[in-house]
Structure formats: structure tokens, C-alpha cells
Amino acid sequence: MPKKQSKSTSISLTPAPSTLTDSLILPKLIVFDLDYTLWPFWVDTHVSPPLKPSPTHDSTKDRFGETFAFYSEVPSILSVLRERGIKIGAASRTMTPDLAREMLRLLQIPDGDGKKKKAIEYFDYLEIYPGSKITHFVKLQKQTGLRYEDILFFDDESRNRNVESLGVHMQLVRDGVTVNELDNGIREWRKKHGHEAIRK
């Protein structure tokens, strides 16, 4: 059954994920799918441009007045990953890459100093276009020079586990990325690659 657009909620302040403060080794790059992973909609089917940001830039409205925003814990997660120096990427197979990028430009996220920045500025790498996620990660590996084993990927579709054939660990999420899901993903990445007791 097709997914229905979920109601977006306001940004919540969440505690930092415990895996970011336990002194154990971390992935060098964390990559996120967009639709139903960072935000609760399909940007290519639910959103009708042009987009207009809210006065606070924590949501946007499309031509029909529908409101769109990140899942509630996503802004603070992206902010804390940036503060910890972890590289962030996006890998999306959307049919409307320009619209997805526009959404990321219009939505803003407070940084550690409380100043707002465009969400797109939190991403070091953007692979947003139709096709297999294998292609997305081959390009990410070439850009970064990282081993696939140093990359952690969050996605809501189990079919994208095919990236694990490269050595990337994929963490399946069902209701958007949360602090708990991030912690679970990092712990599973450590377990898979034997990093459970390795200090940074």
C-alpha cells in the first residue's frame, strides 16, 4: 500500500546520541536517504512547486498550501553530527532532484551557536537522482576516498540493502531518523565491523 504523507511536527530539542559521546570509534561518513527517512513525504509525488518557506524556515508550503518539514528530531541530529565533525551525505533516488535540493535550501537548522543555516549546508555530499543506490555509493566512495566499511547509511526501503554488497552498512528505519535510530545504527555498524571496543 502506498505511503500517505505524514504530518510534520515542530523541531524538538533532543539530547545528543549516546554513541557520539562514548569515546568509541564512529563512522567517517553517515549518509541519509531523504523521503520517509529525513522527512515524512515523497518529494516527487506529494510536493507541488513552487515552495514558500515559513517565517521561521522550519517548514515550507507548496502551491496548494500543504506544509512540509523534517521529522522532528532530524534538525538536531544533523546539527550534532556536524558539531562532532562527522561527514554527512544524502543518497536519494527521487525523480525530482531539483525540488529535493530546493527543499534542503529553504529548510533551515539552528547550529551550535543558535544561528540558522540552510539544511543543504549541513551536507558534505549530495547524490540525488533516480537509479540504484549502488550508483550513489560508488560515486560517494570516489568523491571521499573512504572505504565502504567506513560508511553508515540510513534508509526506509529494504530493497536498498543491496548497498551492503559493497561493504556499506545500511540501517533500516521505518518512521524517520531519530536519536534512538541513530544510536542503533552506529551500534550495529560497530558490531558488523568489529569496532565495539575500539576507542577513537
N, C-alpha and C. Protein backbone atom coordinates (compact mmCIF):
# COMPACT_ATOMS: atom_id res chain seq x y z
N MET A 1 0.85 -1.20 0.00
CA MET A 1 0.00 0.00 0.00
C MET A 1 0.88 1.25 0.00
N PRO A 2 0.59 2.25 -0.89
CA PRO A 2 1.41 3.45 -0.94
C PRO A 2 1.40 4.19 0.39
N LYS A 3 2.50 4.82 0.68
CA LYS A 3 2.58 5.60 1.91
C LYS A 3 1.79 6.89 1.76
N LYS A 4 1.16 7.28 2.85
CA LYS A 4 0.49 8.57 2.88
C LYS A 4 1.43 9.58 3.50
N GLN A 5 1.24 10.84 3.10
CA GLN A 5 2.07 11.88 3.69
C GLN A 5 1.78 11.94 5.18
N SER A 6 2.83 11.96 5.99
CA SER A 6 2.68 12.08 7.44
C SER A 6 2.66 13.54 7.83
N LYS A 7 2.07 13.82 8.95
CA LYS A 7 2.10 15.16 9.48
C LYS A 7 3.51 15.47 9.99
N SER A 8 4.05 16.60 9.58
CA SER A 8 5.35 17.02 10.10
C SER A 8 5.15 17.68 11.44
N THR A 9 6.09 17.47 12.33
CA THR A 9 5.98 18.09 13.64
C THR A 9 7.04 19.13 13.81
N SER A 10 6.88 20.01 14.79
CA SER A 10 7.84 21.07 15.01
C SER A 10 9.16 20.49 15.51
N ILE A 11 10.23 21.27 15.29
CA ILE A 11 11.55 20.84 15.69
C ILE A 11 11.60 20.65 17.20
N SER A 12 12.15 19.53 17.63
CA SER A 12 12.29 19.29 19.06
C SER A 12 13.76 19.28 19.43
N LEU A 13 14.05 19.74 20.63
CA LEU A 13 15.40 19.69 21.13
C LEU A 13 15.61 18.33 21.77
N THR A 14 16.58 17.59 21.29
CA THR A 14 16.80 16.25 21.78
C THR A 14 18.21 16.12 22.35
N PRO A 15 18.42 15.22 23.29
CA PRO A 15 19.77 15.02 23.82
C PRO A 15 20.66 14.41 22.75
N ALA A 16 21.95 14.66 22.85
CA ALA A 16 22.89 14.10 21.88
C ALA A 16 22.86 12.58 21.94
N PRO A 17 22.96 11.92 20.80
CA PRO A 17 23.02 10.46 20.80
C PRO A 17 24.18 9.97 21.68
N SER A 18 23.93 8.94 22.46
CA SER A 18 24.95 8.46 23.40
C SER A 18 26.18 7.92 22.69
N THR A 19 26.00 7.39 21.48
CA THR A 19 27.14 6.83 20.74
C THR A 19 28.12 7.90 20.30
N LEU A 20 27.70 9.15 20.31
CA LEU A 20 28.61 10.22 19.91
C LEU A 20 29.47 10.70 21.07
N THR A 21 29.17 10.23 22.29
CA THR A 21 29.92 10.70 23.46
C THR A 21 30.53 9.55 24.27
N ASP A 22 30.52 8.32 23.72
CA ASP A 22 31.04 7.18 24.48
C ASP A 22 32.50 6.87 24.17
N SER A 23 33.14 7.71 23.36
CA SER A 23 34.58 7.60 23.04
C SER A 23 34.94 6.41 22.16
N LEU A 24 33.94 5.66 21.67
CA LEU A 24 34.22 4.55 20.76
C LEU A 24 34.26 5.05 19.32
N ILE A 25 34.84 4.24 18.44
CA ILE A 25 35.03 4.64 17.06
C ILE A 25 33.68 4.91 16.37
N LEU A 26 33.69 5.87 15.44
CA LEU A 26 32.47 6.28 14.73
C LEU A 26 32.66 6.14 13.22
N PRO A 27 31.56 6.03 12.48
CA PRO A 27 31.68 6.05 11.02
C PRO A 27 32.30 7.38 10.57
N LYS A 28 33.01 7.35 9.47
CA LYS A 28 33.60 8.59 8.95
C LYS A 28 32.61 9.38 8.09
N LEU A 29 31.61 8.67 7.59
CA LEU A 29 30.57 9.30 6.78
C LEU A 29 29.24 8.65 7.11
N ILE A 30 28.23 9.47 7.41
CA ILE A 30 26.87 8.96 7.62
C ILE A 30 26.00 9.53 6.51
N VAL A 31 25.33 8.64 5.80
CA VAL A 31 24.53 9.01 4.64
C VAL A 31 23.06 8.73 4.93
N PHE A 32 22.21 9.65 4.49
CA PHE A 32 20.77 9.52 4.71
C PHE A 32 20.02 9.54 3.39
N ASP A 33 19.05 8.64 3.26
CA ASP A 33 18.02 8.79 2.24
C ASP A 33 17.19 10.02 2.66
N LEU A 34 16.38 10.55 1.75
CA LEU A 34 15.56 11.72 2.09
C LEU A 34 14.11 11.32 2.41
N ASP A 35 13.38 10.80 1.42
CA ASP A 35 11.95 10.54 1.58
C ASP A 35 11.68 9.45 2.62
N TYR A 36 10.86 9.77 3.59
CA TYR A 36 10.48 8.89 4.70
C TYR A 36 11.68 8.43 5.53
N THR A 37 12.77 9.19 5.43
CA THR A 37 13.94 8.96 6.27
C THR A 37 14.29 10.25 7.00
N LEU A 38 14.46 11.34 6.26
CA LEU A 38 14.67 12.65 6.89
C LEU A 38 13.38 13.47 6.94
N TRP A 39 12.49 13.22 5.99
CA TRP A 39 11.20 13.93 6.02
C TRP A 39 10.06 12.96 5.67
N PRO A 40 8.86 13.23 6.17
CA PRO A 40 7.74 12.27 6.05
C PRO A 40 6.88 12.43 4.80
N PHE A 41 7.52 12.41 3.65
CA PHE A 41 6.79 12.53 2.39
C PHE A 41 7.72 12.14 1.25
N TRP A 42 7.11 11.88 0.08
CA TRP A 42 7.86 11.71 -1.15
C TRP A 42 7.88 13.06 -1.85
N VAL A 43 9.05 13.62 -2.00
CA VAL A 43 9.13 14.96 -2.56
C VAL A 43 8.66 15.00 -4.01
N ASP A 44 8.77 13.88 -4.72
CA ASP A 44 8.38 13.90 -6.14
C ASP A 44 6.90 13.62 -6.38
N THR A 45 6.16 13.18 -5.37
CA THR A 45 4.73 12.94 -5.57
C THR A 45 3.83 13.75 -4.65
N HIS A 46 4.32 14.12 -3.47
CA HIS A 46 3.49 14.86 -2.52
C HIS A 46 3.62 16.38 -2.62
N VAL A 47 4.74 16.85 -3.18
CA VAL A 47 5.04 18.28 -3.16
C VAL A 47 4.82 18.89 -4.54
N SER A 48 4.06 19.99 -4.57
CA SER A 48 3.78 20.69 -5.83
C SER A 48 4.41 22.08 -5.80
N PRO A 49 5.49 22.30 -6.55
CA PRO A 49 6.13 23.61 -6.54
C PRO A 49 5.23 24.67 -7.16
N PRO A 50 5.52 25.95 -6.85
CA PRO A 50 6.69 26.46 -6.14
C PRO A 50 6.55 26.32 -4.62
N LEU A 51 7.70 26.35 -3.94
CA LEU A 51 7.73 26.26 -2.48
C LEU A 51 7.92 27.64 -1.87
N LYS A 52 7.33 27.80 -0.69
CA LYS A 52 7.50 29.05 0.05
C LYS A 52 7.83 28.71 1.50
N PRO A 53 8.94 29.22 2.04
CA PRO A 53 9.30 28.89 3.41
C PRO A 53 8.42 29.60 4.43
N SER A 54 8.27 29.00 5.59
CA SER A 54 7.59 29.67 6.69
C SER A 54 8.48 30.79 7.20
N PRO A 55 7.95 31.74 7.98
CA PRO A 55 8.78 32.83 8.50
C PRO A 55 10.00 32.35 9.28
N THR A 56 9.88 31.20 9.95
CA THR A 56 11.00 30.67 10.74
C THR A 56 11.87 29.69 9.95
N HIS A 57 11.47 29.39 8.73
CA HIS A 57 12.20 28.48 7.85
C HIS A 57 12.34 27.06 8.41
N ASP A 58 11.43 26.67 9.31
CA ASP A 58 11.47 25.28 9.78
C ASP A 58 10.45 24.41 9.04
N SER A 59 9.74 25.01 8.08
CA SER A 59 8.82 24.27 7.22
C SER A 59 8.63 25.07 5.93
N THR A 60 8.01 24.42 4.95
CA THR A 60 7.67 25.11 3.70
C THR A 60 6.22 24.78 3.35
N LYS A 61 5.66 25.57 2.47
CA LYS A 61 4.35 25.29 1.90
C LYS A 61 4.48 25.20 0.39
N ASP A 62 3.68 24.30 -0.22
CA ASP A 62 3.71 24.21 -1.68
C ASP A 62 2.58 25.04 -2.27
N ARG A 63 2.35 24.90 -3.55
CA ARG A 63 1.37 25.74 -4.25
C ARG A 63 -0.05 25.52 -3.73
N PHE A 64 -0.32 24.37 -3.11
CA PHE A 64 -1.65 24.09 -2.58
C PHE A 64 -1.76 24.36 -1.08
N GLY A 65 -0.71 24.92 -0.49
CA GLY A 65 -0.75 25.26 0.93
C GLY A 65 -0.42 24.11 1.86
N GLU A 66 0.02 22.97 1.30
CA GLU A 66 0.44 21.84 2.14
C GLU A 66 1.77 22.17 2.82
N THR A 67 1.91 21.77 4.08
CA THR A 67 3.12 22.06 4.84
C THR A 67 4.06 20.86 4.86
N PHE A 68 5.35 21.15 4.72
CA PHE A 68 6.37 20.10 4.68
C PHE A 68 7.54 20.48 5.56
N ALA A 69 8.07 19.50 6.30
CA ALA A 69 9.20 19.75 7.20
C ALA A 69 9.91 18.44 7.46
N PHE A 70 11.07 18.53 8.13
CA PHE A 70 11.79 17.33 8.55
C PHE A 70 11.01 16.60 9.65
N TYR A 71 11.32 15.32 9.84
CA TYR A 71 10.89 14.65 11.07
C TYR A 71 11.47 15.44 12.25
N SER A 72 10.79 15.40 13.38
CA SER A 72 11.08 16.34 14.47
C SER A 72 12.50 16.31 15.01
N GLU A 73 13.15 15.12 15.05
CA GLU A 73 14.48 15.04 15.65
C GLU A 73 15.61 15.23 14.64
N VAL A 74 15.27 15.28 13.36
CA VAL A 74 16.29 15.36 12.32
C VAL A 74 17.15 16.62 12.40
N PRO A 75 16.57 17.82 12.58
CA PRO A 75 17.43 19.01 12.65
C PRO A 75 18.51 18.93 13.72
N SER A 76 18.14 18.50 14.93
CA SER A 76 19.14 18.42 16.00
C SER A 76 20.17 17.32 15.72
N ILE A 77 19.76 16.24 15.05
CA ILE A 77 20.69 15.17 14.69
C ILE A 77 21.73 15.68 13.69
N LEU A 78 21.28 16.36 12.64
CA LEU A 78 22.22 16.89 11.66
C LEU A 78 23.17 17.90 12.31
N SER A 79 22.64 18.70 13.22
CA SER A 79 23.46 19.70 13.89
C SER A 79 24.54 19.06 14.76
N VAL A 80 24.18 18.04 15.53
CA VAL A 80 25.15 17.42 16.43
C VAL A 80 26.18 16.60 15.65
N LEU A 81 25.79 15.99 14.53
CA LEU A 81 26.76 15.28 13.71
C LEU A 81 27.79 16.26 13.15
N ARG A 82 27.32 17.42 12.74
CA ARG A 82 28.23 18.44 12.24
C ARG A 82 29.18 18.89 13.34
N GLU A 83 28.64 19.11 14.54
CA GLU A 83 29.48 19.54 15.67
C GLU A 83 30.54 18.51 15.99
N ARG A 84 30.22 17.22 15.82
CA ARG A 84 31.17 16.15 16.14
C ARG A 84 32.16 15.90 15.00
N GLY A 85 32.01 16.63 13.91
CA GLY A 85 32.95 16.50 12.81
C GLY A 85 32.73 15.31 11.90
N ILE A 86 31.55 14.72 11.96
CA ILE A 86 31.24 13.58 11.10
C ILE A 86 30.70 14.09 9.77
N LYS A 87 31.24 13.60 8.68
CA LYS A 87 30.77 13.99 7.36
C LYS A 87 29.37 13.45 7.13
N ILE A 88 28.55 14.23 6.42
CA ILE A 88 27.15 13.89 6.19
C ILE A 88 26.87 13.86 4.68
N GLY A 89 26.16 12.83 4.25
CA GLY A 89 25.78 12.73 2.85
C GLY A 89 24.30 12.43 2.69
N ALA A 90 23.79 12.66 1.48
CA ALA A 90 22.42 12.29 1.14
C ALA A 90 22.47 11.42 -0.10
N ALA A 91 21.68 10.35 -0.10
CA ALA A 91 21.57 9.47 -1.25
C ALA A 91 20.09 9.21 -1.50
N SER A 92 19.56 9.83 -2.53
CA SER A 92 18.13 9.73 -2.81
C SER A 92 17.91 9.40 -4.28
N ARG A 93 16.90 8.55 -4.55
CA ARG A 93 16.59 8.18 -5.92
C ARG A 93 15.37 8.95 -6.45
N THR A 94 15.05 10.10 -5.84
CA THR A 94 13.88 10.86 -6.24
C THR A 94 13.91 11.23 -7.73
N MET A 95 12.72 11.33 -8.30
CA MET A 95 12.58 11.72 -9.69
C MET A 95 12.65 13.24 -9.87
N THR A 96 12.64 13.98 -8.77
CA THR A 96 12.69 15.45 -8.84
C THR A 96 13.86 15.97 -8.00
N PRO A 97 15.09 15.73 -8.46
CA PRO A 97 16.26 16.14 -7.67
C PRO A 97 16.33 17.63 -7.41
N ASP A 98 15.92 18.44 -8.39
CA ASP A 98 15.98 19.89 -8.18
C ASP A 98 15.03 20.34 -7.07
N LEU A 99 13.86 19.72 -7.01
CA LEU A 99 12.90 20.05 -5.96
C LEU A 99 13.41 19.61 -4.59
N ALA A 100 14.05 18.45 -4.53
CA ALA A 100 14.62 17.99 -3.26
C ALA A 100 15.70 18.95 -2.77
N ARG A 101 16.55 19.41 -3.68
CA ARG A 101 17.59 20.37 -3.31
C ARG A 101 16.98 21.70 -2.86
N GLU A 102 15.90 22.10 -3.53
CA GLU A 102 15.23 23.34 -3.14
C GLU A 102 14.65 23.22 -1.73
N MET A 103 14.09 22.07 -1.41
CA MET A 103 13.57 21.83 -0.06
C MET A 103 14.71 21.97 0.96
N LEU A 104 15.86 21.40 0.64
CA LEU A 104 17.00 21.48 1.54
C LEU A 104 17.56 22.90 1.66
N ARG A 105 17.38 23.70 0.62
CA ARG A 105 17.84 25.10 0.69
C ARG A 105 16.90 25.96 1.52
N LEU A 106 15.60 25.67 1.45
CA LEU A 106 14.61 26.51 2.13
C LEU A 106 14.47 26.17 3.61
N LEU A 107 14.59 24.88 3.96
CA LEU A 107 14.52 24.49 5.37
C LEU A 107 15.82 24.87 6.07
N GLN A 108 15.70 25.46 7.25
CA GLN A 108 16.89 25.89 7.98
C GLN A 108 16.99 25.17 9.32
N ILE A 109 18.23 25.03 9.80
CA ILE A 109 18.52 24.29 11.03
C ILE A 109 19.42 25.14 11.92
N PRO A 110 19.09 25.27 13.22
CA PRO A 110 19.98 26.02 14.12
C PRO A 110 21.29 25.26 14.32
N ASP A 111 22.40 26.00 14.28
CA ASP A 111 23.68 25.36 14.55
C ASP A 111 23.98 25.42 16.05
N GLY A 112 25.19 25.06 16.44
CA GLY A 112 25.55 25.03 17.85
C GLY A 112 25.49 26.37 18.53
N ASP A 113 25.59 27.44 17.73
CA ASP A 113 25.53 28.81 18.28
C ASP A 113 24.13 29.40 18.23
N GLY A 114 23.16 28.59 17.78
CA GLY A 114 21.79 29.07 17.70
C GLY A 114 21.48 29.83 16.43
N LYS A 115 22.47 29.97 15.55
CA LYS A 115 22.23 30.64 14.28
C LYS A 115 21.69 29.63 13.27
N LYS A 116 20.77 30.07 12.46
CA LYS A 116 20.17 29.15 11.49
C LYS A 116 20.96 29.13 10.19
N LYS A 117 21.11 27.92 9.65
CA LYS A 117 21.76 27.72 8.37
C LYS A 117 20.84 26.90 7.49
N LYS A 118 21.00 27.07 6.19
CA LYS A 118 20.24 26.23 5.26
C LYS A 118 20.59 24.77 5.50
N ALA A 119 19.59 23.91 5.48
CA ALA A 119 19.82 22.49 5.72
C ALA A 119 20.84 21.92 4.74
N ILE A 120 20.82 22.41 3.51
CA ILE A 120 21.73 21.87 2.49
C ILE A 120 23.19 22.10 2.87
N GLU A 121 23.46 23.11 3.71
CA GLU A 121 24.83 23.40 4.12
C GLU A 121 25.36 22.39 5.13
N TYR A 122 24.51 21.55 5.68
CA TYR A 122 24.95 20.52 6.62
C TYR A 122 25.46 19.27 5.89
N PHE A 123 25.22 19.21 4.59
CA PHE A 123 25.61 18.04 3.82
C PHE A 123 26.92 18.29 3.08
N ASP A 124 27.84 17.36 3.27
CA ASP A 124 29.11 17.44 2.56
C ASP A 124 29.00 16.84 1.16
N TYR A 125 28.08 15.90 0.99
CA TYR A 125 27.93 15.21 -0.29
C TYR A 125 26.45 14.99 -0.59
N LEU A 126 26.07 15.26 -1.83
CA LEU A 126 24.68 15.08 -2.25
C LEU A 126 24.65 14.22 -3.52
N GLU A 127 24.05 13.06 -3.42
CA GLU A 127 23.82 12.20 -4.58
C GLU A 127 22.30 12.03 -4.68
N ILE A 128 21.68 12.88 -5.47
CA ILE A 128 20.22 12.95 -5.55
C ILE A 128 19.80 12.84 -7.02
N TYR A 129 19.34 11.65 -7.41
CA TYR A 129 18.92 11.39 -8.79
C TYR A 129 18.34 9.98 -8.85
N PRO A 130 17.52 9.67 -9.87
CA PRO A 130 16.94 8.33 -9.98
C PRO A 130 18.02 7.28 -10.22
N GLY A 131 17.70 6.04 -9.87
CA GLY A 131 18.61 4.94 -10.15
C GLY A 131 18.96 4.15 -8.90
N SER A 132 19.77 3.12 -9.09
CA SER A 132 20.16 2.25 -8.00
C SER A 132 21.02 2.97 -6.98
N LYS A 133 20.80 2.66 -5.70
CA LYS A 133 21.63 3.25 -4.66
C LYS A 133 23.09 2.77 -4.75
N ILE A 134 23.30 1.67 -5.45
CA ILE A 134 24.68 1.21 -5.69
C ILE A 134 25.45 2.33 -6.40
N THR A 135 24.83 2.93 -7.42
CA THR A 135 25.48 4.02 -8.16
C THR A 135 25.78 5.18 -7.25
N HIS A 136 24.84 5.52 -6.37
CA HIS A 136 25.05 6.63 -5.44
C HIS A 136 26.29 6.39 -4.58
N PHE A 137 26.44 5.17 -4.10
CA PHE A 137 27.55 4.90 -3.18
C PHE A 137 28.88 4.70 -3.89
N VAL A 138 28.86 4.22 -5.11
CA VAL A 138 30.10 4.15 -5.88
C VAL A 138 30.63 5.57 -6.10
N LYS A 139 29.72 6.50 -6.39
CA LYS A 139 30.15 7.89 -6.59
C LYS A 139 30.61 8.52 -5.27
N LEU A 140 29.91 8.21 -4.18
CA LEU A 140 30.33 8.74 -2.88
C LEU A 140 31.72 8.24 -2.51
N GLN A 141 31.98 6.96 -2.78
CA GLN A 141 33.29 6.41 -2.45
C GLN A 141 34.38 7.09 -3.26
N LYS A 142 34.11 7.34 -4.52
CA LYS A 142 35.11 8.00 -5.37
C LYS A 142 35.38 9.43 -4.89
N GLN A 143 34.31 10.12 -4.49
CA GLN A 143 34.46 11.51 -4.01
C GLN A 143 35.24 11.58 -2.71
N THR A 144 34.94 10.66 -1.80
CA THR A 144 35.50 10.74 -0.45
C THR A 144 36.83 10.02 -0.29
N GLY A 145 37.04 8.98 -1.09
CA GLY A 145 38.22 8.15 -0.92
C GLY A 145 38.13 7.23 0.28
N LEU A 146 36.97 7.18 0.92
CA LEU A 146 36.77 6.33 2.10
C LEU A 146 36.52 4.88 1.70
N ARG A 147 36.81 3.98 2.59
CA ARG A 147 36.41 2.60 2.40
C ARG A 147 34.90 2.52 2.61
N TYR A 148 34.25 1.63 1.89
CA TYR A 148 32.81 1.45 2.09
C TYR A 148 32.50 1.06 3.54
N GLU A 149 33.41 0.35 4.17
CA GLU A 149 33.21 -0.09 5.55
C GLU A 149 33.20 1.07 6.55
N ASP A 150 33.66 2.25 6.12
CA ASP A 150 33.66 3.43 6.99
C ASP A 150 32.37 4.24 6.87
N ILE A 151 31.42 3.74 6.07
CA ILE A 151 30.18 4.47 5.78
C ILE A 151 28.98 3.78 6.42
N LEU A 152 28.10 4.58 7.02
CA LEU A 152 26.83 4.10 7.59
C LEU A 152 25.70 4.79 6.84
N PHE A 153 24.69 4.01 6.46
CA PHE A 153 23.60 4.50 5.63
C PHE A 153 22.25 4.23 6.29
N PHE A 154 21.39 5.25 6.32
CA PHE A 154 20.03 5.11 6.86
C PHE A 154 19.03 5.26 5.71
N ASP A 155 18.09 4.31 5.62
CA ASP A 155 17.10 4.31 4.55
C ASP A 155 15.85 3.59 5.03
N ASP A 156 14.70 3.94 4.45
CA ASP A 156 13.44 3.32 4.86
C ASP A 156 13.02 2.16 3.96
N GLU A 157 13.76 1.88 2.90
CA GLU A 157 13.38 0.82 1.97
C GLU A 157 14.36 -0.33 2.02
N SER A 158 13.85 -1.51 2.33
CA SER A 158 14.73 -2.67 2.49
C SER A 158 15.43 -3.06 1.19
N ARG A 159 14.85 -2.72 0.03
CA ARG A 159 15.50 -3.06 -1.24
C ARG A 159 16.87 -2.40 -1.37
N ASN A 160 17.07 -1.30 -0.64
CA ASN A 160 18.35 -0.59 -0.75
C ASN A 160 19.46 -1.23 0.09
N ARG A 161 19.13 -2.37 0.71
CA ARG A 161 20.19 -3.14 1.37
C ARG A 161 21.21 -3.67 0.36
N ASN A 162 20.90 -3.55 -0.92
CA ASN A 162 21.86 -4.03 -1.91
C ASN A 162 23.19 -3.30 -1.81
N VAL A 163 23.21 -2.13 -1.16
CA VAL A 163 24.48 -1.41 -1.00
C VAL A 163 25.43 -2.17 -0.07
N GLU A 164 24.88 -3.10 0.71
CA GLU A 164 25.73 -3.86 1.62
C GLU A 164 26.66 -4.80 0.84
N SER A 165 26.34 -5.05 -0.41
CA SER A 165 27.25 -5.85 -1.25
C SER A 165 28.56 -5.13 -1.49
N LEU A 166 28.55 -3.80 -1.30
CA LEU A 166 29.77 -3.01 -1.44
C LEU A 166 30.59 -2.98 -0.15
N GLY A 167 29.90 -3.22 0.98
CA GLY A 167 30.56 -3.12 2.29
C GLY A 167 29.98 -2.04 3.16
N VAL A 168 29.03 -1.26 2.61
CA VAL A 168 28.32 -0.24 3.38
C VAL A 168 27.35 -0.92 4.34
N HIS A 169 27.25 -0.43 5.58
CA HIS A 169 26.20 -0.95 6.47
C HIS A 169 24.96 -0.08 6.33
N MET A 170 23.81 -0.70 6.04
CA MET A 170 22.55 0.03 5.96
C MET A 170 21.70 -0.26 7.18
N GLN A 171 21.20 0.79 7.79
CA GLN A 171 20.27 0.67 8.92
C GLN A 171 18.87 1.02 8.43
N LEU A 172 17.95 0.07 8.53
CA LEU A 172 16.59 0.29 8.07
C LEU A 172 15.81 1.07 9.11
N VAL A 173 15.16 2.16 8.68
CA VAL A 173 14.30 2.94 9.58
C VAL A 173 12.89 2.93 9.02
N ARG A 174 11.90 2.88 9.91
CA ARG A 174 10.51 2.79 9.47
C ARG A 174 9.71 4.07 9.68
N ASP A 175 10.08 4.86 10.66
CA ASP A 175 9.32 6.09 10.95
C ASP A 175 10.23 7.30 11.07
N GLY A 176 11.22 7.37 10.20
CA GLY A 176 12.12 8.50 10.20
C GLY A 176 13.29 8.34 11.15
N VAL A 177 14.35 9.08 10.87
CA VAL A 177 15.55 9.03 11.71
C VAL A 177 15.27 9.74 13.03
N THR A 178 15.63 9.07 14.12
CA THR A 178 15.52 9.63 15.46
C THR A 178 16.87 9.43 16.15
N VAL A 179 17.02 10.02 17.33
CA VAL A 179 18.23 9.81 18.11
C VAL A 179 18.41 8.32 18.40
N ASN A 180 17.33 7.65 18.76
CA ASN A 180 17.40 6.23 19.06
C ASN A 180 17.82 5.41 17.84
N GLU A 181 17.27 5.76 16.66
CA GLU A 181 17.64 5.06 15.43
C GLU A 181 19.10 5.31 15.09
N LEU A 182 19.58 6.54 15.31
CA LEU A 182 20.97 6.84 15.03
C LEU A 182 21.88 6.02 15.93
N ASP A 183 21.56 5.97 17.22
CA ASP A 183 22.35 5.15 18.15
C ASP A 183 22.34 3.68 17.73
N ASN A 184 21.18 3.17 17.37
CA ASN A 184 21.08 1.76 16.95
C ASN A 184 21.93 1.51 15.71
N GLY A 185 21.88 2.44 14.77
CA GLY A 185 22.64 2.29 13.54
C GLY A 185 24.14 2.28 13.80
N ILE A 186 24.60 3.18 14.64
CA ILE A 186 26.03 3.24 14.94
C ILE A 186 26.47 1.98 15.69
N ARG A 187 25.63 1.51 16.62
CA ARG A 187 25.99 0.28 17.35
C ARG A 187 26.05 -0.93 16.41
N GLU A 188 25.09 -1.02 15.49
CA GLU A 188 25.10 -2.13 14.54
C GLU A 188 26.29 -2.02 13.59
N TRP A 189 26.65 -0.82 13.18
CA TRP A 189 27.83 -0.61 12.33
C TRP A 189 29.10 -1.07 13.06
N ARG A 190 29.21 -0.70 14.35
CA ARG A 190 30.37 -1.13 15.14
C ARG A 190 30.42 -2.66 15.25
N LYS A 191 29.26 -3.25 15.52
CA LYS A 191 29.20 -4.71 15.68
C LYS A 191 29.59 -5.42 14.39
N LYS A 192 29.09 -4.92 13.27
CA LYS A 192 29.34 -5.55 11.98
C LYS A 192 30.82 -5.53 11.63
N HIS A 193 31.49 -4.43 11.98
CA HIS A 193 32.88 -4.26 11.57
C HIS A 193 33.88 -4.48 12.71
N GLY A 194 33.41 -5.01 13.84
CA GLY A 194 34.31 -5.34 14.94
C GLY A 194 34.87 -4.14 15.66
N HIS A 195 34.08 -3.05 15.74
CA HIS A 195 34.56 -1.82 16.38
C HIS A 195 33.96 -1.61 17.77
N GLU A 196 33.34 -2.62 18.35
CA GLU A 196 32.58 -2.43 19.60
C GLU A 196 33.43 -1.98 20.77
N ALA A 197 34.72 -2.22 20.74
CA ALA A 197 35.56 -1.83 21.88
C ALA A 197 36.74 -0.96 21.45
N ILE A 198 36.69 -0.45 20.21
CA ILE A 198 37.82 0.33 19.70
C ILE A 198 37.59 1.80 20.02
N ARG A 199 38.56 2.38 20.72
CA ARG A 199 38.47 3.80 21.08
C ARG A 199 38.88 4.68 19.91
N LYS A 200 38.30 5.87 19.89
CA LYS A 200 38.65 6.83 18.84
C LYS A 200 40.08 7.30 19.01
